[in-house]
């Protein structure tokens, strides 16, 4: 629950307090250990969950521009914009 909600420290405290008050829940010592572990490893856990949830290519970078012709001798529609989009895809973890 903590990892899937990516809880901040205030949310974590409220969640663990509720868990200690539940019948058959955790002890306050266990809550302190969980809080310390989450505080030290939150970023790694979140990144791991995100990487595990990807199953296809990921967008590594994207560049774009819109070109507009300023002058042409033989074209009637001079102000027709042209968009150029460059996307770099990669496999998960590469």
N, C-alpha and C. Protein backbone atom coordinates (compact mmCIF):
# COMPACT_ATOMS: atom_id res chain seq x y z
N UNK A 1 0.82 -1.21 0.00
CA UNK A 1 0.00 0.00 0.00
C UNK A 1 0.86 1.26 0.00
N UNK A 2 1.92 1.23 0.80
CA UNK A 2 2.80 2.39 0.90
C UNK A 2 3.48 2.66 -0.44
N UNK A 3 4.01 1.62 -1.05
CA UNK A 3 4.74 1.78 -2.31
C UNK A 3 3.81 2.14 -3.47
N UNK A 4 2.67 1.49 -3.56
CA UNK A 4 1.78 1.76 -4.69
C UNK A 4 1.19 3.16 -4.62
N UNK A 5 1.03 3.71 -3.41
CA UNK A 5 0.53 5.07 -3.27
C UNK A 5 1.67 6.10 -3.30
N UNK A 6 2.91 5.62 -3.28
CA UNK A 6 4.09 6.48 -3.23
C UNK A 6 3.92 7.56 -2.16
N UNK A 7 3.66 7.10 -0.95
CA UNK A 7 3.31 7.99 0.16
C UNK A 7 4.48 8.90 0.55
N UNK A 8 4.14 10.17 0.84
CA UNK A 8 5.14 11.05 1.42
C UNK A 8 5.18 10.75 2.93
N UNK A 9 6.05 11.46 3.66
CA UNK A 9 6.25 11.10 5.06
C UNK A 9 5.00 11.33 5.91
N UNK A 10 4.23 12.40 5.63
CA UNK A 10 3.00 12.65 6.40
C UNK A 10 1.95 11.57 6.16
N UNK A 11 1.79 11.17 4.91
CA UNK A 11 0.84 10.10 4.58
C UNK A 11 1.28 8.79 5.23
N UNK A 12 2.58 8.54 5.20
CA UNK A 12 3.12 7.33 5.79
C UNK A 12 2.84 7.29 7.29
N UNK A 13 3.08 8.40 7.97
CA UNK A 13 2.82 8.47 9.41
C UNK A 13 1.36 8.17 9.73
N UNK A 14 0.45 8.78 8.97
CA UNK A 14 -0.99 8.55 9.20
C UNK A 14 -1.35 7.10 8.94
N UNK A 15 -0.81 6.53 7.87
CA UNK A 15 -1.09 5.14 7.51
C UNK A 15 -0.58 4.19 8.60
N UNK A 16 0.66 4.40 9.05
CA UNK A 16 1.23 3.51 10.05
C UNK A 16 0.53 3.66 11.41
N UNK A 17 0.11 4.87 11.74
CA UNK A 17 -0.65 5.07 12.98
C UNK A 17 -1.95 4.29 12.92
N UNK A 18 -2.62 4.33 11.77
CA UNK A 18 -3.87 3.57 11.62
C UNK A 18 -3.60 2.07 11.72
N UNK A 19 -2.47 1.63 11.18
CA UNK A 19 -2.14 0.20 11.23
C UNK A 19 -1.84 -0.26 12.66
N UNK A 20 -1.27 0.62 13.47
CA UNK A 20 -0.97 0.23 14.86
C UNK A 20 -2.23 0.18 15.70
N UNK A 21 -3.25 0.93 15.32
CA UNK A 21 -4.49 0.95 16.10
C UNK A 21 -5.44 -0.18 15.70
N UNK A 22 -5.19 -0.81 14.56
CA UNK A 22 -6.01 -1.93 14.11
C UNK A 22 -5.80 -3.14 15.00
N UNK A 23 -6.87 -3.88 15.22
CA UNK A 23 -6.72 -5.13 15.96
C UNK A 23 -5.95 -6.11 15.07
N UNK A 24 -4.88 -6.68 15.62
CA UNK A 24 -4.03 -7.58 14.84
C UNK A 24 -3.11 -6.84 13.91
N UNK A 25 -2.96 -5.53 14.10
CA UNK A 25 -2.09 -4.71 13.26
C UNK A 25 -0.64 -4.82 13.69
N UNK A 26 0.12 -3.82 13.35
CA UNK A 26 1.54 -3.82 13.66
C UNK A 26 1.81 -3.09 14.97
N UNK A 27 2.99 -3.35 15.54
CA UNK A 27 3.38 -2.65 16.77
C UNK A 27 4.01 -1.31 16.41
N UNK A 28 4.18 -0.46 17.41
CA UNK A 28 4.79 0.85 17.15
C UNK A 28 6.26 0.69 16.77
N UNK A 29 6.92 -0.33 17.29
CA UNK A 29 8.32 -0.60 16.90
C UNK A 29 8.39 -1.01 15.43
N UNK A 30 7.47 -1.85 15.00
CA UNK A 30 7.43 -2.25 13.61
C UNK A 30 7.15 -1.05 12.71
N UNK A 31 6.24 -0.18 13.16
CA UNK A 31 5.92 1.03 12.39
C UNK A 31 7.15 1.92 12.24
N UNK A 32 7.94 2.04 13.30
CA UNK A 32 9.15 2.86 13.24
C UNK A 32 10.17 2.29 12.26
N UNK A 33 10.31 0.96 12.24
CA UNK A 33 11.24 0.32 11.31
C UNK A 33 10.77 0.51 9.87
N UNK A 34 9.47 0.33 9.63
CA UNK A 34 8.92 0.52 8.28
C UNK A 34 9.12 1.96 7.83
N UNK A 35 8.87 2.92 8.72
CA UNK A 35 9.03 4.34 8.38
C UNK A 35 10.48 4.64 8.03
N UNK A 36 11.42 4.13 8.80
CA UNK A 36 12.84 4.36 8.53
C UNK A 36 13.25 3.73 7.20
N UNK A 37 12.79 2.51 6.95
CA UNK A 37 13.10 1.81 5.70
C UNK A 37 12.54 2.59 4.51
N UNK A 38 11.30 3.04 4.60
CA UNK A 38 10.67 3.77 3.52
C UNK A 38 11.40 5.09 3.26
N UNK A 39 11.78 5.77 4.33
CA UNK A 39 12.49 7.03 4.19
C UNK A 39 13.82 6.84 3.46
N UNK A 40 14.53 5.75 3.75
CA UNK A 40 15.83 5.50 3.14
C UNK A 40 15.76 4.92 1.74
N UNK A 41 14.69 4.23 1.40
CA UNK A 41 14.64 3.49 0.13
C UNK A 41 13.46 3.87 -0.77
N UNK A 42 12.77 4.94 -0.46
CA UNK A 42 11.58 5.32 -1.22
C UNK A 42 11.87 5.48 -2.71
N UNK A 43 12.91 6.20 -3.05
CA UNK A 43 13.22 6.48 -4.47
C UNK A 43 13.52 5.19 -5.22
N UNK A 44 14.34 4.32 -4.62
CA UNK A 44 14.69 3.05 -5.28
C UNK A 44 13.45 2.18 -5.48
N UNK A 45 12.60 2.11 -4.47
CA UNK A 45 11.40 1.29 -4.58
C UNK A 45 10.48 1.84 -5.66
N UNK A 46 10.30 3.15 -5.68
CA UNK A 46 9.42 3.77 -6.69
C UNK A 46 9.95 3.51 -8.10
N UNK A 47 11.26 3.70 -8.31
CA UNK A 47 11.86 3.46 -9.63
C UNK A 47 11.71 2.00 -10.04
N UNK A 48 11.88 1.10 -9.10
CA UNK A 48 11.74 -0.33 -9.40
C UNK A 48 10.31 -0.66 -9.82
N UNK A 49 9.32 -0.11 -9.12
CA UNK A 49 7.92 -0.36 -9.49
C UNK A 49 7.60 0.21 -10.86
N UNK A 50 8.11 1.40 -11.15
CA UNK A 50 7.87 2.01 -12.47
C UNK A 50 8.49 1.15 -13.56
N UNK A 51 9.73 0.70 -13.35
CA UNK A 51 10.39 -0.14 -14.35
C UNK A 51 9.69 -1.48 -14.54
N UNK A 52 9.15 -2.05 -13.48
CA UNK A 52 8.44 -3.32 -13.59
C UNK A 52 7.10 -3.17 -14.29
N UNK A 53 6.52 -1.97 -14.25
CA UNK A 53 5.20 -1.77 -14.86
C UNK A 53 5.28 -1.48 -16.35
N UNK A 54 6.48 -1.20 -16.87
CA UNK A 54 6.64 -0.96 -18.31
C UNK A 54 6.78 -2.29 -19.02
N UNK A 55 6.10 -2.41 -20.15
CA UNK A 55 6.19 -3.66 -20.91
C UNK A 55 6.56 -3.43 -22.36
N UNK A 56 6.80 -2.19 -22.73
CA UNK A 56 7.07 -1.89 -24.13
C UNK A 56 8.14 -0.82 -24.22
N UNK A 57 8.29 -0.23 -25.38
CA UNK A 57 9.27 0.83 -25.59
C UNK A 57 8.95 2.05 -24.73
N UNK A 58 9.98 2.82 -24.43
CA UNK A 58 9.82 4.06 -23.69
C UNK A 58 10.35 5.21 -24.54
N UNK A 59 9.83 6.39 -24.33
CA UNK A 59 10.28 7.58 -25.03
C UNK A 59 11.51 8.13 -24.32
N UNK A 60 12.66 8.10 -25.01
CA UNK A 60 13.91 8.57 -24.41
C UNK A 60 14.11 10.06 -24.63
N UNK A 61 13.76 10.55 -25.80
CA UNK A 61 13.88 11.99 -26.07
C UNK A 61 12.94 12.38 -27.20
N UNK A 62 12.65 13.68 -27.27
CA UNK A 62 11.76 14.18 -28.31
C UNK A 62 12.19 15.60 -28.68
N UNK A 63 12.30 15.86 -29.97
CA UNK A 63 12.60 17.19 -30.49
C UNK A 63 11.56 17.52 -31.55
N UNK A 64 11.20 18.79 -31.63
CA UNK A 64 10.22 19.18 -32.63
C UNK A 64 10.48 20.61 -33.08
N UNK A 65 9.96 20.92 -34.27
CA UNK A 65 9.99 22.29 -34.76
C UNK A 65 8.89 22.46 -35.80
N UNK A 66 8.49 23.68 -36.02
CA UNK A 66 7.50 24.01 -37.05
C UNK A 66 8.18 24.97 -38.03
N UNK A 67 8.20 24.58 -39.31
CA UNK A 67 8.80 25.42 -40.34
C UNK A 67 7.70 26.12 -41.12
N UNK A 68 7.98 27.33 -41.52
CA UNK A 68 7.03 28.13 -42.30
C UNK A 68 7.81 28.78 -43.44
N UNK A 69 7.36 28.54 -44.69
CA UNK A 69 8.04 29.14 -45.84
C UNK A 69 7.79 30.64 -45.84
N UNK A 70 8.85 31.39 -46.02
CA UNK A 70 8.72 32.85 -46.01
C UNK A 70 8.52 33.40 -47.43
N UNK A 71 9.10 32.71 -48.41
CA UNK A 71 9.01 33.23 -49.76
C UNK A 71 9.16 32.09 -50.76
N UNK A 72 8.33 32.12 -51.81
CA UNK A 72 8.43 31.12 -52.86
C UNK A 72 7.93 31.72 -54.16
N UNK A 73 8.58 31.37 -55.23
CA UNK A 73 8.23 31.92 -56.52
C UNK A 73 7.07 31.18 -57.17
N UNK A 74 6.94 29.84 -56.89
CA UNK A 74 5.99 29.03 -57.63
C UNK A 74 4.87 28.43 -56.77
N UNK A 75 4.77 28.80 -55.52
CA UNK A 75 3.76 28.20 -54.64
C UNK A 75 2.78 29.27 -54.20
N UNK A 76 1.45 28.94 -54.38
CA UNK A 76 0.42 29.91 -53.99
C UNK A 76 0.24 29.97 -52.48
N UNK A 77 0.21 28.79 -51.83
CA UNK A 77 -0.07 28.73 -50.39
C UNK A 77 1.26 28.84 -49.63
N UNK A 78 1.71 30.05 -49.45
CA UNK A 78 3.03 30.28 -48.87
C UNK A 78 3.07 30.02 -47.37
N UNK A 79 2.00 30.24 -46.64
CA UNK A 79 2.00 30.14 -45.18
C UNK A 79 1.55 28.79 -44.66
N UNK A 80 1.84 27.72 -45.39
CA UNK A 80 1.48 26.38 -44.93
C UNK A 80 2.58 25.86 -44.01
N UNK A 81 2.27 25.65 -42.72
CA UNK A 81 3.31 25.19 -41.80
C UNK A 81 3.62 23.71 -41.98
N UNK A 82 4.84 23.34 -41.70
CA UNK A 82 5.29 21.95 -41.75
C UNK A 82 5.89 21.63 -40.38
N UNK A 83 5.36 20.61 -39.73
CA UNK A 83 5.89 20.20 -38.44
C UNK A 83 6.83 19.02 -38.60
N UNK A 84 7.96 19.10 -37.92
CA UNK A 84 8.94 18.02 -37.93
C UNK A 84 9.11 17.54 -36.49
N UNK A 85 8.87 16.25 -36.28
CA UNK A 85 8.95 15.67 -34.94
C UNK A 85 9.95 14.52 -34.98
N UNK A 86 10.89 14.52 -34.04
CA UNK A 86 11.87 13.47 -33.94
C UNK A 86 11.75 12.84 -32.56
N UNK A 87 11.46 11.53 -32.52
CA UNK A 87 11.31 10.83 -31.25
C UNK A 87 12.31 9.68 -31.21
N UNK A 88 12.96 9.53 -30.06
CA UNK A 88 13.89 8.43 -29.86
C UNK A 88 13.26 7.45 -28.86
N UNK A 89 13.04 6.23 -29.32
CA UNK A 89 12.45 5.19 -28.48
C UNK A 89 13.53 4.21 -28.04
N UNK A 90 13.30 3.61 -26.89
CA UNK A 90 14.23 2.61 -26.40
C UNK A 90 13.49 1.52 -25.66
N UNK A 91 14.10 0.36 -25.57
CA UNK A 91 13.52 -0.73 -24.79
C UNK A 91 13.67 -0.42 -23.32
N UNK A 92 12.82 -0.98 -22.51
CA UNK A 92 12.88 -0.80 -21.07
C UNK A 92 14.26 -1.21 -20.54
N UNK A 93 14.93 -0.30 -19.85
CA UNK A 93 16.23 -0.59 -19.27
C UNK A 93 17.40 -0.37 -20.20
N UNK A 94 17.19 0.10 -21.43
CA UNK A 94 18.28 0.33 -22.37
C UNK A 94 18.36 1.81 -22.72
